[in-house]
Amino acid sequence: MTRLEGAAVASPCTSVCTIDAVTGLCAGCYRTLDEIAGWIDLPEQRKRTLLATLATRRAQFGAAIAARHAPGDGRDGER
């Protein structure tokens, strides 16, 4: 095992924590609720695999999610 393979993988959480109603993804980290809840128990290699998936999700859904959750649009809890 290389040093990288055994290294702890940091959570991708960005402290935005708003689930997009259309995609079911967090507007900050692009994980599902199940992925967020299960993160702590995932083996490090599965975390790395999920991180790669998040980059793909961000590219695919990022602009649409960001537009729906822009500050001041009434959908992010700000009034």
N, C-alpha and C. Protein backbone atom coordinates (compact mmCIF):
# COMPACT_ATOMS: atom_id res chain seq x y z
N MET A 1 0.84 -1.17 0.00
CA MET A 1 0.00 0.00 0.00
C MET A 1 0.89 1.24 0.00
N THR A 2 0.55 2.20 -0.86
CA THR A 2 1.32 3.44 -0.88
C THR A 2 0.84 4.36 0.23
N ARG A 3 1.62 5.36 0.51
CA ARG A 3 1.26 6.32 1.55
C ARG A 3 -0.08 6.99 1.23
N LEU A 4 -0.31 7.34 -0.01
CA LEU A 4 -1.55 7.98 -0.42
C LEU A 4 -2.75 7.06 -0.19
N GLU A 5 -2.60 5.80 -0.51
CA GLU A 5 -3.71 4.86 -0.36
C GLU A 5 -4.15 4.73 1.09
N GLY A 6 -3.23 4.89 2.04
CA GLY A 6 -3.58 4.76 3.44
C GLY A 6 -3.95 6.06 4.11
N ALA A 7 -3.78 7.18 3.40
CA ALA A 7 -4.05 8.49 3.98
C ALA A 7 -5.55 8.71 4.18
N ALA A 8 -5.88 9.41 5.25
CA ALA A 8 -7.27 9.74 5.51
C ALA A 8 -7.77 10.71 4.44
N VAL A 9 -9.00 10.52 4.04
CA VAL A 9 -9.62 11.38 3.02
C VAL A 9 -10.53 12.37 3.73
N ALA A 10 -10.29 13.64 3.51
CA ALA A 10 -11.10 14.69 4.14
C ALA A 10 -12.49 14.73 3.53
N SER A 11 -13.44 15.10 4.33
CA SER A 11 -14.81 15.26 3.87
C SER A 11 -14.87 16.39 2.83
N PRO A 12 -15.71 16.21 1.80
CA PRO A 12 -15.87 17.27 0.80
C PRO A 12 -16.87 18.35 1.24
N CYS A 13 -17.35 18.27 2.46
CA CYS A 13 -18.34 19.22 2.95
C CYS A 13 -17.81 20.65 2.85
N THR A 14 -18.68 21.54 2.36
CA THR A 14 -18.33 22.95 2.24
C THR A 14 -19.17 23.82 3.18
N SER A 15 -19.90 23.18 4.06
CA SER A 15 -20.78 23.84 5.04
C SER A 15 -21.91 24.63 4.39
N VAL A 16 -22.30 24.25 3.19
CA VAL A 16 -23.48 24.85 2.56
C VAL A 16 -24.72 24.08 3.00
N CYS A 17 -24.69 22.77 2.92
CA CYS A 17 -25.70 21.88 3.49
C CYS A 17 -27.13 22.22 3.10
N THR A 18 -27.36 22.38 1.83
CA THR A 18 -28.70 22.61 1.29
C THR A 18 -28.95 21.56 0.21
N ILE A 19 -29.98 20.74 0.40
CA ILE A 19 -30.28 19.69 -0.57
C ILE A 19 -31.15 20.26 -1.68
N ASP A 20 -30.69 20.10 -2.90
CA ASP A 20 -31.42 20.56 -4.07
C ASP A 20 -32.60 19.63 -4.30
N ALA A 21 -33.80 20.19 -4.35
CA ALA A 21 -35.01 19.38 -4.50
C ALA A 21 -35.09 18.66 -5.83
N VAL A 22 -34.51 19.20 -6.86
CA VAL A 22 -34.59 18.59 -8.19
C VAL A 22 -33.66 17.39 -8.31
N THR A 23 -32.41 17.54 -7.87
CA THR A 23 -31.42 16.47 -8.05
C THR A 23 -31.24 15.60 -6.81
N GLY A 24 -31.60 16.11 -5.64
CA GLY A 24 -31.36 15.38 -4.40
C GLY A 24 -29.91 15.48 -3.94
N LEU A 25 -29.16 16.39 -4.55
CA LEU A 25 -27.74 16.56 -4.21
C LEU A 25 -27.56 17.80 -3.34
N CYS A 26 -26.56 17.74 -2.47
CA CYS A 26 -26.21 18.91 -1.68
C CYS A 26 -25.66 19.99 -2.60
N ALA A 27 -26.13 21.21 -2.42
CA ALA A 27 -25.68 22.32 -3.26
C ALA A 27 -24.23 22.70 -2.99
N GLY A 28 -23.66 22.21 -1.90
CA GLY A 28 -22.27 22.53 -1.57
C GLY A 28 -21.29 21.47 -2.00
N CYS A 29 -21.60 20.20 -1.70
CA CYS A 29 -20.62 19.14 -1.95
C CYS A 29 -21.07 18.13 -3.01
N TYR A 30 -22.31 18.21 -3.43
CA TYR A 30 -22.86 17.35 -4.49
C TYR A 30 -23.04 15.89 -4.07
N ARG A 31 -23.10 15.65 -2.75
CA ARG A 31 -23.40 14.30 -2.27
C ARG A 31 -24.89 14.18 -2.00
N THR A 32 -25.39 12.94 -2.01
CA THR A 32 -26.76 12.67 -1.61
C THR A 32 -26.81 12.62 -0.08
N LEU A 33 -28.01 12.65 0.47
CA LEU A 33 -28.15 12.52 1.92
C LEU A 33 -27.55 11.22 2.43
N ASP A 34 -27.77 10.11 1.71
CA ASP A 34 -27.19 8.83 2.12
C ASP A 34 -25.67 8.87 2.09
N GLU A 35 -25.10 9.51 1.09
CA GLU A 35 -23.63 9.62 1.02
C GLU A 35 -23.07 10.48 2.14
N ILE A 36 -23.80 11.55 2.47
CA ILE A 36 -23.37 12.41 3.57
C ILE A 36 -23.42 11.63 4.88
N ALA A 37 -24.53 10.97 5.12
CA ALA A 37 -24.71 10.22 6.38
C ALA A 37 -23.72 9.07 6.51
N GLY A 38 -23.38 8.43 5.40
CA GLY A 38 -22.50 7.27 5.44
C GLY A 38 -21.02 7.56 5.30
N TRP A 39 -20.66 8.83 5.08
CA TRP A 39 -19.26 9.18 4.82
C TRP A 39 -18.31 8.64 5.87
N ILE A 40 -18.62 8.82 7.11
CA ILE A 40 -17.70 8.46 8.19
C ILE A 40 -17.36 6.96 8.20
N ASP A 41 -18.29 6.14 7.73
CA ASP A 41 -18.09 4.70 7.75
C ASP A 41 -17.51 4.13 6.46
N LEU A 42 -17.35 4.96 5.43
CA LEU A 42 -16.80 4.48 4.16
C LEU A 42 -15.31 4.19 4.28
N PRO A 43 -14.86 3.10 3.67
CA PRO A 43 -13.41 2.87 3.60
C PRO A 43 -12.77 4.00 2.77
N GLU A 44 -11.51 4.29 3.04
CA GLU A 44 -10.81 5.40 2.38
C GLU A 44 -10.86 5.29 0.85
N GLN A 45 -10.70 4.10 0.31
CA GLN A 45 -10.74 3.95 -1.15
C GLN A 45 -12.11 4.29 -1.71
N ARG A 46 -13.17 3.93 -1.01
CA ARG A 46 -14.53 4.29 -1.46
C ARG A 46 -14.73 5.80 -1.38
N LYS A 47 -14.13 6.45 -0.38
CA LYS A 47 -14.21 7.90 -0.30
C LYS A 47 -13.55 8.54 -1.51
N ARG A 48 -12.38 8.01 -1.89
CA ARG A 48 -11.68 8.56 -3.07
C ARG A 48 -12.52 8.37 -4.34
N THR A 49 -13.15 7.23 -4.46
CA THR A 49 -14.00 6.96 -5.61
C THR A 49 -15.18 7.94 -5.63
N LEU A 50 -15.79 8.15 -4.47
CA LEU A 50 -16.90 9.08 -4.38
C LEU A 50 -16.46 10.50 -4.73
N LEU A 51 -15.29 10.91 -4.28
CA LEU A 51 -14.78 12.25 -4.61
C LEU A 51 -14.68 12.43 -6.12
N ALA A 52 -14.23 11.41 -6.82
CA ALA A 52 -14.14 11.49 -8.28
C ALA A 52 -15.55 11.64 -8.89
N THR A 53 -16.51 10.96 -8.33
CA THR A 53 -17.90 11.05 -8.79
C THR A 53 -18.44 12.46 -8.55
N LEU A 54 -18.06 13.07 -7.43
CA LEU A 54 -18.55 14.41 -7.12
C LEU A 54 -18.07 15.43 -8.14
N ALA A 55 -16.86 15.27 -8.62
CA ALA A 55 -16.35 16.18 -9.64
C ALA A 55 -17.20 16.09 -10.91
N THR A 56 -17.61 14.90 -11.26
CA THR A 56 -18.46 14.69 -12.43
C THR A 56 -19.83 15.32 -12.21
N ARG A 57 -20.39 15.11 -11.00
CA ARG A 57 -21.70 15.70 -10.68
C ARG A 57 -21.63 17.23 -10.72
N ARG A 58 -20.56 17.78 -10.18
CA ARG A 58 -20.41 19.24 -10.17
C ARG A 58 -20.40 19.77 -11.60
N ALA A 59 -19.68 19.08 -12.48
CA ALA A 59 -19.62 19.51 -13.88
C ALA A 59 -20.99 19.38 -14.55
N GLN A 60 -21.73 18.34 -14.21
CA GLN A 60 -23.01 18.08 -14.84
C GLN A 60 -24.14 18.96 -14.29
N PHE A 61 -24.19 19.14 -12.97
CA PHE A 61 -25.32 19.81 -12.34
C PHE A 61 -24.99 21.16 -11.69
N GLY A 62 -23.71 21.48 -11.59
CA GLY A 62 -23.28 22.63 -10.80
C GLY A 62 -23.95 23.94 -11.14
N ALA A 63 -24.00 24.29 -12.39
CA ALA A 63 -24.56 25.59 -12.78
C ALA A 63 -26.06 25.65 -12.45
N ALA A 64 -26.77 24.58 -12.71
CA ALA A 64 -28.21 24.57 -12.45
C ALA A 64 -28.50 24.62 -10.95
N ILE A 65 -27.74 23.87 -10.17
CA ILE A 65 -27.93 23.88 -8.72
C ILE A 65 -27.58 25.26 -8.17
N ALA A 66 -26.48 25.81 -8.60
CA ALA A 66 -26.07 27.13 -8.12
C ALA A 66 -27.12 28.18 -8.43
N ALA A 67 -27.72 28.11 -9.61
CA ALA A 67 -28.74 29.08 -10.00
C ALA A 67 -29.97 28.96 -9.10
N ARG A 68 -30.33 27.74 -8.75
CA ARG A 68 -31.51 27.53 -7.90
C ARG A 68 -31.25 27.94 -6.45
N HIS A 69 -30.01 27.97 -6.04
CA HIS A 69 -29.69 28.25 -4.64
C HIS A 69 -28.90 29.54 -4.46
N ALA A 70 -29.02 30.44 -5.42
CA ALA A 70 -28.33 31.73 -5.31
C ALA A 70 -28.89 32.52 -4.14
N PRO A 71 -28.05 33.19 -3.38
CA PRO A 71 -28.53 34.00 -2.25
C PRO A 71 -29.59 35.00 -2.68
N GLY A 72 -30.62 35.11 -1.87
CA GLY A 72 -31.65 36.10 -2.11
C GLY A 72 -32.77 35.65 -3.01
N ASP A 73 -32.74 34.38 -3.50
CA ASP A 73 -33.82 33.95 -4.38
C ASP A 73 -34.98 33.34 -3.60
N GLY A 74 -34.87 33.31 -2.25
CA GLY A 74 -35.97 32.80 -1.44
C GLY A 74 -35.98 31.31 -1.27
N ARG A 75 -35.06 30.60 -1.90
CA ARG A 75 -35.05 29.14 -1.81
C ARG A 75 -33.93 28.62 -0.92
N ASP A 76 -33.10 29.48 -0.40
CA ASP A 76 -31.99 29.02 0.42
C ASP A 76 -32.15 29.39 1.89
N GLY A 77 -33.35 29.78 2.27
CA GLY A 77 -33.61 30.12 3.65
C GLY A 77 -33.45 31.60 3.96
N GLU A 78 -32.87 32.38 3.05
CA GLU A 78 -32.72 33.81 3.27
C GLU A 78 -33.99 34.52 2.84
N ARG A 79 -34.36 35.51 3.57
CA ARG A 79 -35.56 36.27 3.22
C ARG A 79 -35.22 37.73 3.14
